[in-house]
Amino acid sequence: MILQVDRYPAVSVLDSALNQGRITSEQLALIPSLIHGRRGAVAARACLPEADGRAQSPLETRARLRCVDGRVRPDTLQLEIRDDDGCLLGIGDLGWRGPRVIAEADGRDAHDNPEAVFADRRRQNRLVNAGWTVLRFTWSDTLRPDYIPWTVRQAMAAARRR
């Protein structure tokens, strides 16, 4: 499949396969030899280093790639944020530790029911009270190449001014 699609869906498929344990990083490393000489192999090989099994959805992958393309690469994925006592306050889909910024990729399935909305709000309040900026992005945000990186840069600049 990665031979037949553009970068975003190709990386999403690779991320998903790694996340679900359908392939290992060792198997991922074998893909270049398996696709050598096939149509689309050059583009597909370029996607392989971008695969990251910590991404939990295609939306998270798309948001991350928008950041990479916009030169605000997150320094980690699934960033666990804890209080001084070690209690888990929340996990950010994309994280920038220095400026204390996290981005959440809010998909409709996981975040569009009342219980999830209220849980998201409580978690966001805990994170904000701990000094983190929480950004939230949806699928439609990923359709504008400039929006997510611009928003992240603005949050990082605001954090530097604090």
Foldseek 3Di string as FASTA:
>chain_A
DLLPDAQLVLLQVLLCCPLVVVDDLVVLVCVLVVCPPHRSSVRSVVNSVVHDNLQPGSLLSLLQVLQVVLVNHAPDAQQFDADPVRHTLGTAGGHHPPLQEGEHEDECVQQVDVVNVVVVVSSCVSSVVRPHHYHYHYPVQSVDSPRSNVVVVVSSVVSVVD
